[in-house]
């Protein structure tokens, strides 16, 4: 199994595309146009089930960021968070309304 980041793969495909002609060139162009954002390509001559199992075993959680879609429904309850006021930027980035009460952040509306 070989994995390559999209910038390196894109450079290699662009180079190959300049040498390709006709239908092959069109196919490479379609692949190049799909390489946007944080994309990795995995090449294997093995069983795809084994590759999927390997990738699924390495999944880990990541903190929420603005604009991300959650894999499950998430609700943030109204009330005290127990966090001190220096963490308000986190809630502002997620567009969650807060206020400071007794030296800690309180969430004022359910999101």
PDB file of N, CA and C in Angstrom:
ATOM      1  N   UNK A   1       0.855  -1.166   0.000  1.00  0.00           N
ATOM      2  CA  UNK A   1       0.000   0.000   0.000  1.00  0.00           C
ATOM      3  C   UNK A   1       0.902   1.230   0.000  1.00  0.00           C
ATOM      4  N   UNK A   2       0.600   2.181  -0.858  1.00  0.00           N
ATOM      5  CA  UNK A   2       1.354   3.438  -0.939  1.00  0.00           C
ATOM      6  C   UNK A   2       0.362   4.582  -0.812  1.00  0.00           C
ATOM      7  N   UNK A   3       0.716   5.599  -0.014  1.00  0.00           N
ATOM      8  CA  UNK A   3      -0.152   6.758   0.144  1.00  0.00           C
ATOM      9  C   UNK A   3       0.645   8.000  -0.231  1.00  0.00           C
ATOM     10  N   UNK A   4       0.005   8.916  -0.959  1.00  0.00           N
ATOM     11  CA  UNK A   4       0.685  10.150  -1.346  1.00  0.00           C
ATOM     12  C   UNK A   4      -0.202  11.350  -1.119  1.00  0.00           C
ATOM     13  N   UNK A   5       0.379  12.468  -0.664  1.00  0.00           N
ATOM     14  CA  UNK A   5      -0.383  13.697  -0.474  1.00  0.00           C
ATOM     15  C   UNK A   5      -0.735  14.302  -1.825  1.00  0.00           C
ATOM     16  N   UNK A   6      -1.837  15.037  -1.859  1.00  0.00           N
ATOM     17  CA  UNK A   6      -2.362  15.494  -3.137  1.00  0.00           C
ATOM     18  C   UNK A   6      -1.419  16.426  -3.900  1.00  0.00           C
ATOM     19  N   UNK A   7      -0.598  17.223  -3.221  1.00  0.00           N
ATOM     20  CA  UNK A   7       0.287  18.128  -3.960  1.00  0.00           C
ATOM     21  C   UNK A   7       1.332  17.348  -4.755  1.00  0.00           C
ATOM     22  N   UNK A   8       1.868  16.299  -4.161  1.00  0.00           N
ATOM     23  CA  UNK A   8       2.858  15.486  -4.872  1.00  0.00           C
ATOM     24  C   UNK A   8       2.201  14.675  -5.984  1.00  0.00           C
ATOM     25  N   UNK A   9       1.042  14.104  -5.692  1.00  0.00           N
ATOM     26  CA  UNK A   9       0.324  13.320  -6.694  1.00  0.00           C
ATOM     27  C   UNK A   9      -0.103  14.229  -7.845  1.00  0.00           C
ATOM     28  N   UNK A  10      -0.584  15.437  -7.505  1.00  0.00           N
ATOM     29  CA  UNK A  10      -1.013  16.374  -8.543  1.00  0.00           C
ATOM     30  C   UNK A  10       0.149  16.746  -9.458  1.00  0.00           C
ATOM     31  N   UNK A  11       1.329  16.963  -8.878  1.00  0.00           N
ATOM     32  CA  UNK A  11       2.506  17.293  -9.681  1.00  0.00           C
ATOM     33  C   UNK A  11       2.873  16.137 -10.605  1.00  0.00           C
ATOM     34  N   UNK A  12       2.828  14.921 -10.072  1.00  0.00           N
ATOM     35  CA  UNK A  12       3.167  13.755 -10.889  1.00  0.00           C
ATOM     36  C   UNK A  12       2.136  13.554 -12.001  1.00  0.00           C
ATOM     37  N   UNK A  13       0.851  13.724 -11.684  1.00  0.00           N
ATOM     38  CA  UNK A  13      -0.198  13.551 -12.695  1.00  0.00           C
ATOM     39  C   UNK A  13      -0.130  14.652 -13.756  1.00  0.00           C
ATOM     40  N   UNK A  14       0.174  15.869 -13.337  1.00  0.00           N
ATOM     41  CA  UNK A  14       0.304  16.970 -14.296  1.00  0.00           C
ATOM     42  C   UNK A  14       1.451  16.696 -15.260  1.00  0.00           C
ATOM     43  N   UNK A  15       2.552  16.189 -14.716  1.00  0.00           N
ATOM     44  CA  UNK A  15       3.693  15.840 -15.561  1.00  0.00           C
ATOM     45  C   UNK A  15       3.311  14.724 -16.538  1.00  0.00           C
ATOM     46  N   UNK A  16       2.616  13.710 -16.038  1.00  0.00           N
ATOM     47  CA  UNK A  16       2.181  12.607 -16.904  1.00  0.00           C
ATOM     48  C   UNK A  16       1.167  13.092 -17.932  1.00  0.00           C
ATOM     49  N   UNK A  17       0.344  14.068 -17.535  1.00  0.00           N
ATOM     50  CA  UNK A  17      -0.692  14.582 -18.426  1.00  0.00           C
ATOM     51  C   UNK A  17      -0.082  15.344 -19.606  1.00  0.00           C
ATOM     52  N   UNK A  18       1.046  16.005 -19.384  1.00  0.00           N
ATOM     53  CA  UNK A  18       1.688  16.726 -20.493  1.00  0.00           C
ATOM     54  C   UNK A  18       2.226  15.756 -21.538  1.00  0.00           C
ATOM     55  N   UNK A  19       2.531  14.529 -21.104  1.00  0.00           N
ATOM     56  CA  UNK A  19       3.044  13.518 -22.030  1.00  0.00           C
ATOM     57  C   UNK A  19       1.920  12.680 -22.651  1.00  0.00           C
ATOM     58  N   UNK A  20       0.729  12.702 -22.018  1.00  0.00           N
ATOM     59  CA  UNK A  20      -0.395  11.885 -22.490  1.00  0.00           C
ATOM     60  C   UNK A  20      -1.114  12.577 -23.642  1.00  0.00           C
ATOM     61  N   UNK A  21      -1.847  11.777 -24.410  1.00  0.00           N
ATOM     62  CA  UNK A  21      -2.624  12.315 -25.531  1.00  0.00           C
ATOM     63  C   UNK A  21      -4.031  11.748 -25.505  1.00  0.00           C
ATOM     64  N   UNK A  22      -4.989  12.516 -26.024  1.00  0.00           N
ATOM     65  CA  UNK A  22      -6.350  12.039 -26.250  1.00  0.00           C
ATOM     66  C   UNK A  22      -7.103  11.692 -24.988  1.00  0.00           C
ATOM     67  N   UNK A  23      -7.746  10.511 -25.011  1.00  0.00           N
ATOM     68  CA  UNK A  23      -8.625  10.075 -23.922  1.00  0.00           C
ATOM     69  C   UNK A  23      -7.861   9.918 -22.608  1.00  0.00           C
ATOM     70  N   UNK A  24      -6.627   9.458 -22.681  1.00  0.00           N
ATOM     71  CA  UNK A  24      -5.805   9.289 -21.470  1.00  0.00           C
ATOM     72  C   UNK A  24      -5.588  10.632 -20.788  1.00  0.00           C
ATOM     73  N   UNK A  25      -5.359  11.680 -21.570  1.00  0.00           N
ATOM     74  CA  UNK A  25      -5.163  13.019 -21.035  1.00  0.00           C
ATOM     75  C   UNK A  25      -6.424  13.512 -20.329  1.00  0.00           C
ATOM     76  N   UNK A  26      -7.599  13.243 -20.898  1.00  0.00           N
ATOM     77  CA  UNK A  26      -8.866  13.652 -20.290  1.00  0.00           C
ATOM     78  C   UNK A  26      -9.094  12.953 -18.956  1.00  0.00           C
ATOM     79  N   UNK A  27      -8.748  11.668 -18.884  1.00  0.00           N
ATOM     80  CA  UNK A  27      -8.914  10.916 -17.644  1.00  0.00           C
ATOM     81  C   UNK A  27      -8.007  11.470 -16.543  1.00  0.00           C
ATOM     82  N   UNK A  28      -6.768  11.781 -16.899  1.00  0.00           N
ATOM     83  CA  UNK A  28      -5.848  12.344 -15.921  1.00  0.00           C
ATOM     84  C   UNK A  28      -6.319  13.723 -15.454  1.00  0.00           C
ATOM     85  N   UNK A  29      -6.860  14.510 -16.363  1.00  0.00           N
ATOM     86  CA  UNK A  29      -7.365  15.841 -16.020  1.00  0.00           C
ATOM     87  C   UNK A  29      -8.509  15.752 -15.019  1.00  0.00           C
ATOM     88  N   UNK A  30      -9.385  14.757 -15.176  1.00  0.00           N
ATOM     89  CA  UNK A  30     -10.495  14.560 -14.230  1.00  0.00           C
ATOM     90  C   UNK A  30      -9.968  14.245 -12.836  1.00  0.00           C
ATOM     91  N   UNK A  31      -8.935  13.430 -12.762  1.00  0.00           N
ATOM     92  CA  UNK A  31      -8.346  13.092 -11.460  1.00  0.00           C
ATOM     93  C   UNK A  31      -7.692  14.323 -10.846  1.00  0.00           C
ATOM     94  N   UNK A  32      -6.951  15.065 -11.629  1.00  0.00           N
ATOM     95  CA  UNK A  32      -6.264  16.261 -11.133  1.00  0.00           C
ATOM     96  C   UNK A  32      -7.271  17.263 -10.569  1.00  0.00           C
ATOM     97  N   UNK A  33      -8.408  17.432 -11.235  1.00  0.00           N
ATOM     98  CA  UNK A  33      -9.423  18.391 -10.791  1.00  0.00           C
ATOM     99  C   UNK A  33     -10.087  17.975  -9.481  1.00  0.00           C
ATOM    100  N   UNK A  34     -10.029  16.702  -9.125  1.00  0.00           N
ATOM    101  CA  UNK A  34     -10.635  16.223  -7.884  1.00  0.00           C
ATOM    102  C   UNK A  34      -9.721  16.422  -6.671  1.00  0.00           C
ATOM    103  N   UNK A  35      -8.466  16.723  -6.892  1.00  0.00           N
ATOM    104  CA  UNK A  35      -7.506  16.849  -5.794  1.00  0.00           C
ATOM    105  C   UNK A  35      -7.550  18.253  -5.213  1.00  0.00           C
ATOM    106  N   UNK A  36      -8.490  18.469  -4.303  1.00  0.00           N
ATOM    107  CA  UNK A  36      -8.655  19.756  -3.645  1.00  0.00           C
ATOM    108  C   UNK A  36      -8.678  19.534  -2.138  1.00  0.00           C
ATOM    109  N   UNK A  37      -8.216  20.523  -1.394  1.00  0.00           N
ATOM    110  CA  UNK A  37      -8.243  20.420   0.065  1.00  0.00           C
ATOM    111  C   UNK A  37      -7.254  19.387   0.574  1.00  0.00           C
ATOM    112  N   UNK A  38      -7.598  18.777   1.691  1.00  0.00           N
ATOM    113  CA  UNK A  38      -6.734  17.787   2.325  1.00  0.00           C
ATOM    114  C   UNK A  38      -7.088  16.407   1.797  1.00  0.00           C
ATOM    115  N   UNK A  39      -6.484  16.015   0.705  1.00  0.00           N
ATOM    116  CA  UNK A  39      -6.806  14.748   0.045  1.00  0.00           C
ATOM    117  C   UNK A  39      -5.570  13.868  -0.026  1.00  0.00           C
ATOM    118  N   UNK A  40      -5.761  12.608   0.262  1.00  0.00           N
ATOM    119  CA  UNK A  40      -4.697  11.620   0.085  1.00  0.00           C
ATOM    120  C   UNK A  40      -5.203  10.550  -0.862  1.00  0.00           C
ATOM    121  N   UNK A  41      -4.309  10.019  -1.652  1.00  0.00           N
ATOM    122  CA  UNK A  41      -4.643   8.899  -2.524  1.00  0.00           C
ATOM    123  C   UNK A  41      -3.895   7.678  -2.022  1.00  0.00           C
ATOM    124  N   UNK A  42      -4.580   6.551  -2.003  1.00  0.00           N
ATOM    125  CA  UNK A  42      -3.970   5.302  -1.576  1.00  0.00           C
ATOM    126  C   UNK A  42      -3.975   4.355  -2.758  1.00  0.00           C
ATOM    127  N   UNK A  43      -2.818   3.835  -3.075  1.00  0.00           N
ATOM    128  CA  UNK A  43      -2.676   2.886  -4.168  1.00  0.00           C
ATOM    129  C   UNK A  43      -2.359   1.518  -3.564  1.00  0.00           C
ATOM    130  N   UNK A  44      -3.043   0.509  -4.034  1.00  0.00           N
ATOM    131  CA  UNK A  44      -2.793  -0.834  -3.522  1.00  0.00           C
ATOM    132  C   UNK A  44      -3.050  -1.852  -4.609  1.00  0.00           C
ATOM    133  N   UNK A  45      -2.358  -2.958  -4.526  1.00  0.00           N
ATOM    134  CA  UNK A  45      -2.684  -4.081  -5.394  1.00  0.00           C
ATOM    135  C   UNK A  45      -3.233  -5.227  -4.538  1.00  0.00           C
ATOM    136  N   UNK A  46      -3.537  -4.902  -3.274  1.00  0.00           N
ATOM    137  CA  UNK A  46      -4.091  -5.877  -2.342  1.00  0.00           C
ATOM    138  C   UNK A  46      -5.603  -5.796  -2.281  1.00  0.00           C
ATOM    139  N   UNK A  47      -6.153  -6.439  -1.291  1.00  0.00           N
ATOM    140  CA  UNK A  47      -7.597  -6.498  -1.092  1.00  0.00           C
ATOM    141  C   UNK A  47      -8.090  -5.187  -0.467  1.00  0.00           C
ATOM    142  N   UNK A  48      -9.105  -4.559  -1.060  1.00  0.00           N
ATOM    143  CA  UNK A  48      -9.625  -3.289  -0.550  1.00  0.00           C
ATOM    144  C   UNK A  48     -10.254  -3.440   0.833  1.00  0.00           C
ATOM    145  N   UNK A  49     -10.767  -4.624   1.148  1.00  0.00           N
ATOM    146  CA  UNK A  49     -11.339  -4.868   2.472  1.00  0.00           C
ATOM    147  C   UNK A  49     -10.254  -4.732   3.535  1.00  0.00           C
ATOM    148  N   UNK A  50      -9.064  -5.231   3.255  1.00  0.00           N
ATOM    149  CA  UNK A  50      -7.952  -5.112   4.201  1.00  0.00           C
ATOM    150  C   UNK A  50      -7.521  -3.654   4.363  1.00  0.00           C
ATOM    151  N   UNK A  51      -7.511  -2.912   3.266  1.00  0.00           N
ATOM    152  CA  UNK A  51      -7.149  -1.495   3.330  1.00  0.00           C
ATOM    153  C   UNK A  51      -8.164  -0.734   4.165  1.00  0.00           C
ATOM    154  N   UNK A  52      -9.455  -0.985   3.938  1.00  0.00           N
ATOM    155  CA  UNK A  52     -10.507  -0.310   4.711  1.00  0.00           C
ATOM    156  C   UNK A  52     -10.390  -0.649   6.190  1.00  0.00           C
ATOM    157  N   UNK A  53     -10.145  -1.913   6.511  1.00  0.00           N
ATOM    158  CA  UNK A  53      -9.995  -2.325   7.910  1.00  0.00           C
ATOM    159  C   UNK A  53      -8.809  -1.615   8.555  1.00  0.00           C
ATOM    160  N   UNK A  54      -7.720  -1.493   7.824  1.00  0.00           N
ATOM    161  CA  UNK A  54      -6.521  -0.804   8.327  1.00  0.00           C
ATOM    162  C   UNK A  54      -6.832   0.669   8.595  1.00  0.00           C
ATOM    163  N   UNK A  55      -7.504   1.321   7.661  1.00  0.00           N
ATOM    164  CA  UNK A  55      -7.841   2.739   7.834  1.00  0.00           C
ATOM    165  C   UNK A  55      -8.830   2.943   8.973  1.00  0.00           C
ATOM    166  N   UNK A  56      -9.847   2.079   9.060  1.00  0.00           N
ATOM    167  CA  UNK A  56     -10.843   2.199  10.123  1.00  0.00           C
ATOM    168  C   UNK A  56     -10.237   2.000  11.504  1.00  0.00           C
ATOM    169  N   UNK A  57      -9.190   1.194  11.611  1.00  0.00           N
ATOM    170  CA  UNK A  57      -8.559   0.954  12.907  1.00  0.00           C
ATOM    171  C   UNK A  57      -7.760   2.167  13.377  1.00  0.00           C
ATOM    172  N   UNK A  58      -7.453   3.093  12.481  1.00  0.00           N
ATOM    173  CA  UNK A  58      -6.647   4.266  12.826  1.00  0.00           C
ATOM    174  C   UNK A  58      -7.476   5.539  12.998  1.00  0.00           C
ATOM    175  N   UNK A  59      -8.800   5.443  13.005  1.00  0.00           N
ATOM    176  CA  UNK A  59      -9.665   6.617  13.138  1.00  0.00           C
ATOM    177  C   UNK A  59      -9.559   7.161  14.561  1.00  0.00           C
ATOM    178  N   UNK A  60      -9.480   8.482  14.665  1.00  0.00           N
ATOM    179  CA  UNK A  60      -9.465   9.109  15.981  1.00  0.00           C
ATOM    180  C   UNK A  60     -10.310  10.374  15.944  1.00  0.00           C
ATOM    181  N   UNK A  61     -10.802  10.759  17.094  1.00  0.00           N
ATOM    182  CA  UNK A  61     -11.648  11.942  17.187  1.00  0.00           C
ATOM    183  C   UNK A  61     -10.810  13.204  17.042  1.00  0.00           C
ATOM    184  N   UNK A  62     -11.441  14.259  16.564  1.00  0.00           N
ATOM    185  CA  UNK A  62     -10.767  15.543  16.472  1.00  0.00           C
ATOM    186  C   UNK A  62     -11.699  16.610  17.038  1.00  0.00           C
ATOM    187  N   UNK A  63     -11.146  17.715  17.535  1.00  0.00           N
ATOM    188  CA  UNK A  63     -11.993  18.765  18.092  1.00  0.00           C
ATOM    189  C   UNK A  63     -12.844  19.437  17.010  1.00  0.00           C
ATOM    190  N   UNK A  64     -13.984  19.937  17.416  1.00  0.00           N
ATOM    191  CA  UNK A  64     -14.909  20.598  16.487  1.00  0.00           C
ATOM    192  C   UNK A  64     -14.325  21.919  15.998  1.00  0.00           C
ATOM    193  N   UNK A  65     -14.608  22.242  14.754  1.00  0.00           N
ATOM    194  CA  UNK A  65     -14.209  23.515  14.163  1.00  0.00           C
ATOM    195  C   UNK A  65     -15.401  24.088  13.418  1.00  0.00           C
ATOM    196  N   UNK A  66     -15.404  25.383  13.236  1.00  0.00           N
ATOM    197  CA  UNK A  66     -16.486  26.055  12.535  1.00  0.00           C
ATOM    198  C   UNK A  66     -16.627  25.519  11.121  1.00  0.00           C
ATOM    199  N   UNK A  67     -17.864  25.210  10.733  1.00  0.00           N
ATOM    200  CA  UNK A  67     -18.143  24.755   9.377  1.00  0.00           C
ATOM    201  C   UNK A  67     -18.053  23.252   9.191  1.00  0.00           C
ATOM    202  N   UNK A  68     -17.586  22.527  10.197  1.00  0.00           N
ATOM    203  CA  UNK A  68     -17.488  21.074  10.076  1.00  0.00           C
ATOM    204  C   UNK A  68     -18.854  20.435  10.269  1.00  0.00           C
ATOM    205  N   UNK A  69     -19.062  19.301   9.622  1.00  0.00           N
ATOM    206  CA  UNK A  69     -20.286  18.549   9.804  1.00  0.00           C
ATOM    207  C   UNK A  69     -20.012  17.411  10.786  1.00  0.00           C
ATOM    208  N   UNK A  70     -20.876  17.289  11.795  1.00  0.00           N
ATOM    209  CA  UNK A  70     -20.704  16.242  12.795  1.00  0.00           C
ATOM    210  C   UNK A  70     -21.257  14.925  12.257  1.00  0.00           C
ATOM    211  N   UNK A  71     -20.586  13.803  12.554  1.00  0.00           N
ATOM    212  CA  UNK A  71     -21.092  12.512  12.102  1.00  0.00           C
ATOM    213  C   UNK A  71     -22.357  12.095  12.849  1.00  0.00           C
ATOM    214  N   UNK A  72     -22.613  12.716  14.002  1.00  0.00           N
ATOM    215  CA  UNK A  72     -23.807  12.441  14.807  1.00  0.00           C
ATOM    216  C   UNK A  72     -24.415  13.765  15.233  1.00  0.00           C
ATOM    217  N   UNK A  73     -25.679  13.757  15.631  1.00  0.00           N
ATOM    218  CA  UNK A  73     -26.308  14.967  16.136  1.00  0.00           C
ATOM    219  C   UNK A  73     -25.632  15.397  17.433  1.00  0.00           C
ATOM    220  N   UNK A  74     -25.391  16.701  17.545  1.00  0.00           N
ATOM    221  CA  UNK A  74     -24.738  17.249  18.728  1.00  0.00           C
ATOM    222  C   UNK A  74     -25.616  18.343  19.295  1.00  0.00           C
ATOM    223  N   UNK A  75     -25.848  18.318  20.612  1.00  0.00           N
ATOM    224  CA  UNK A  75     -26.565  19.421  21.245  1.00  0.00           C
ATOM    225  C   UNK A  75     -25.711  19.932  22.395  1.00  0.00           C
ATOM    226  N   UNK A  76     -25.694  21.240  22.552  1.00  0.00           N
ATOM    227  CA  UNK A  76     -24.933  21.881  23.613  1.00  0.00           C
ATOM    228  C   UNK A  76     -25.946  22.445  24.590  1.00  0.00           C
ATOM    229  N   UNK A  77     -26.041  21.876  25.800  1.00  0.00           N
ATOM    230  CA  UNK A  77     -27.075  22.319  26.741  1.00  0.00           C
ATOM    231  C   UNK A  77     -26.776  23.701  27.318  1.00  0.00           C
ATOM    232  N   UNK A  78     -27.844  24.413  27.655  1.00  0.00           N
ATOM    233  CA  UNK A  78     -27.734  25.719  28.301  1.00  0.00           C
ATOM    234  C   UNK A  78     -27.270  25.502  29.735  1.00  0.00           C
ATOM    235  N   UNK A  79     -26.402  26.401  30.214  1.00  0.00           N
ATOM    236  CA  UNK A  79     -25.968  26.324  31.605  1.00  0.00           C
ATOM    237  C   UNK A  79     -24.474  26.508  31.752  1.00  0.00           C
ATOM    238  N   UNK A  80     -23.980  26.320  32.984  1.00  0.00           N
ATOM    239  CA  UNK A  80     -22.560  26.531  33.251  1.00  0.00           C
ATOM    240  C   UNK A  80     -21.691  25.453  32.607  1.00  0.00           C
ATOM    241  N   UNK A  81     -20.509  25.862  32.164  1.00  0.00           N
ATOM    242  CA  UNK A  81     -19.588  24.920  31.527  1.00  0.00           C
ATOM    243  C   UNK A  81     -18.453  24.508  32.448  1.00  0.00           C
ATOM    244  N   UNK A  82     -18.181  25.317  33.476  1.00  0.00           N
ATOM    245  CA  UNK A  82     -17.054  25.038  34.355  1.00  0.00           C
ATOM    246  C   UNK A  82     -15.735  25.564  33.811  1.00  0.00           C
ATOM    247  N   UNK A  83     -15.770  26.206  32.640  1.00  0.00           N
ATOM    248  CA  UNK A  83     -14.563  26.758  32.023  1.00  0.00           C
ATOM    249  C   UNK A  83     -14.385  28.206  32.434  1.00  0.00           C
ATOM    250  N   UNK A  84     -13.120  28.637  32.570  1.00  0.00           N
ATOM    251  CA  UNK A  84     -12.879  30.031  32.927  1.00  0.00           C
ATOM    252  C   UNK A  84     -12.987  30.934  31.691  1.00  0.00           C
ATOM    253  N   UNK A  85     -13.135  32.240  31.892  1.00  0.00           N
ATOM    254  CA  UNK A  85     -13.398  33.187  30.793  1.00  0.00           C
ATOM    255  C   UNK A  85     -12.364  33.221  29.680  1.00  0.00           C
ATOM    256  N   UNK A  86     -11.157  32.722  29.885  1.00  0.00           N
ATOM    257  CA  UNK A  86     -10.162  32.778  28.809  1.00  0.00           C
ATOM    258  C   UNK A  86     -10.502  31.816  27.664  1.00  0.00           C
ATOM    259  N   UNK A  87     -11.480  30.931  27.846  1.00  0.00           N
ATOM    260  CA  UNK A  87     -11.884  29.977  26.804  1.00  0.00           C
ATOM    261  C   UNK A  87     -13.088  30.444  25.986  1.00  0.00           C
ATOM    262  N   UNK A  88     -13.485  31.717  26.108  1.00  0.00           N
ATOM    263  CA  UNK A  88     -14.662  32.196  25.376  1.00  0.00           C
ATOM    264  C   UNK A  88     -14.466  32.169  23.864  1.00  0.00           C
ATOM    265  N   UNK A  89     -13.230  32.316  23.400  1.00  0.00           N
ATOM    266  CA  UNK A  89     -12.956  32.312  21.952  1.00  0.00           C
ATOM    267  C   UNK A  89     -13.414  31.002  21.309  1.00  0.00           C
ATOM    268  N   UNK A  90     -13.253  29.886  22.013  1.00  0.00           N
ATOM    269  CA  UNK A  90     -13.682  28.580  21.499  1.00  0.00           C
ATOM    270  C   UNK A  90     -15.171  28.605  21.171  1.00  0.00           C
ATOM    271  N   UNK A  91     -15.984  29.115  22.099  1.00  0.00           N
ATOM    272  CA  UNK A  91     -17.429  29.167  21.882  1.00  0.00           C
ATOM    273  C   UNK A  91     -17.796  30.193  20.817  1.00  0.00           C
ATOM    274  N   UNK A  92     -17.069  31.304  20.752  1.00  0.00           N
ATOM    275  CA  UNK A  92     -17.331  32.311  19.719  1.00  0.00           C
ATOM    276  C   UNK A  92     -17.070  31.739  18.335  1.00  0.00           C
ATOM    277  N   UNK A  93     -16.011  30.945  18.186  1.00  0.00           N
ATOM    278  CA  UNK A  93     -15.712  30.328  16.891  1.00  0.00           C
ATOM    279  C   UNK A  93     -16.812  29.372  16.459  1.00  0.00           C
ATOM    280  N   UNK A  94     -17.458  28.735  17.409  1.00  0.00           N
ATOM    281  CA  UNK A  94     -18.553  27.811  17.102  1.00  0.00           C
ATOM    282  C   UNK A  94     -19.908  28.515  17.068  1.00  0.00           C
ATOM    283  N   UNK A  95     -19.902  29.836  17.239  1.00  0.00           N
ATOM    284  CA  UNK A  95     -21.108  30.670  17.224  1.00  0.00           C
ATOM    285  C   UNK A  95     -22.112  30.225  18.290  1.00  0.00           C
ATOM    286  N   UNK A  96     -21.604  29.939  19.484  1.00  0.00           N
ATOM    287  CA  UNK A  96     -22.437  29.586  20.637  1.00  0.00           C
ATOM    288  C   UNK A  96     -22.439  30.790  21.573  1.00  0.00           C
ATOM    289  N   UNK A  97     -23.652  31.274  21.921  1.00  0.00           N
ATOM    290  CA  UNK A  97     -23.770  32.453  22.768  1.00  0.00           C
ATOM    291  C   UNK A  97     -23.443  32.100  24.212  1.00  0.00           C
ATOM    292  N   UNK A  98     -22.597  32.935  24.826  1.00  0.00           N
ATOM    293  CA  UNK A  98     -22.182  32.705  26.211  1.00  0.00           C
ATOM    294  C   UNK A  98     -22.208  34.006  26.988  1.00  0.00           C
ATOM    295  N   UNK A  99     -22.120  33.858  28.305  1.00  0.00           N
ATOM    296  CA  UNK A  99     -21.912  35.005  29.189  1.00  0.00           C
ATOM    297  C   UNK A  99     -21.061  34.527  30.360  1.00  0.00           C
ATOM    298  N   UNK A 100     -20.430  35.463  31.045  1.00  0.00           N
ATOM    299  CA  UNK A 100     -19.584  35.135  32.178  1.00  0.00           C
ATOM    300  C   UNK A 100     -20.409  35.317  33.453  1.00  0.00           C
ATOM    301  N   UNK A 101     -20.513  34.250  34.238  1.00  0.00           N
ATOM    302  CA  UNK A 101     -21.253  34.296  35.499  1.00  0.00           C
ATOM    303  C   UNK A 101     -20.371  33.671  36.574  1.00  0.00           C
ATOM    304  N   UNK A 102     -20.121  34.434  37.642  1.00  0.00           N
ATOM    305  CA  UNK A 102     -19.327  33.952  38.773  1.00  0.00           C
ATOM    306  C   UNK A 102     -17.990  33.361  38.339  1.00  0.00           C
ATOM    307  N   UNK A 103     -17.313  34.032  37.399  1.00  0.00           N
ATOM    308  CA  UNK A 103     -15.982  33.630  36.978  1.00  0.00           C
ATOM    309  C   UNK A 103     -15.905  32.402  36.089  1.00  0.00           C
ATOM    310  N   UNK A 104     -17.043  32.009  35.509  1.00  0.00           N
ATOM    311  CA  UNK A 104     -17.010  30.893  34.565  1.00  0.00           C
ATOM    312  C   UNK A 104     -17.958  31.144  33.396  1.00  0.00           C
ATOM    313  N   UNK A 105     -17.766  30.434  32.323  1.00  0.00           N
ATOM    314  CA  UNK A 105     -18.578  30.625  31.112  1.00  0.00           C
ATOM    315  C   UNK A 105     -19.888  29.876  31.256  1.00  0.00           C
ATOM    316  N   UNK A 106     -20.996  30.576  30.978  1.00  0.00           N
ATOM    317  CA  UNK A 106     -22.318  29.956  30.922  1.00  0.00           C
ATOM    318  C   UNK A 106     -22.813  30.037  29.484  1.00  0.00           C
ATOM    319  N   UNK A 107     -23.378  28.965  28.989  1.00  0.00           N
ATOM    320  CA  UNK A 107     -24.003  28.957  27.662  1.00  0.00           C
ATOM    321  C   UNK A 107     -25.413  29.480  27.826  1.00  0.00           C
ATOM    322  N   UNK A 108     -25.798  30.474  26.988  1.00  0.00           N
ATOM    323  CA  UNK A 108     -27.085  31.154  27.153  1.00  0.00           C
ATOM    324  C   UNK A 108     -28.178  30.638  26.216  1.00  0.00           C
ATOM    325  N   UNK A 109     -27.819  29.973  25.136  1.00  0.00           N
ATOM    326  CA  UNK A 109     -28.852  29.450  24.230  1.00  0.00           C
ATOM    327  C   UNK A 109     -28.408  28.097  23.700  1.00  0.00           C
ATOM    328  N   UNK A 110     -29.398  27.198  23.536  1.00  0.00           N
ATOM    329  CA  UNK A 110     -29.091  25.853  23.061  1.00  0.00           C
ATOM    330  C   UNK A 110     -28.771  25.885  21.579  1.00  0.00           C
ATOM    331  N   UNK A 111     -27.781  25.151  21.185  1.00  0.00           N
ATOM    332  CA  UNK A 111     -27.344  25.109  19.778  1.00  0.00           C
ATOM    333  C   UNK A 111     -27.514  23.705  19.267  1.00  0.00           C
TER     334      UNK A 111
END
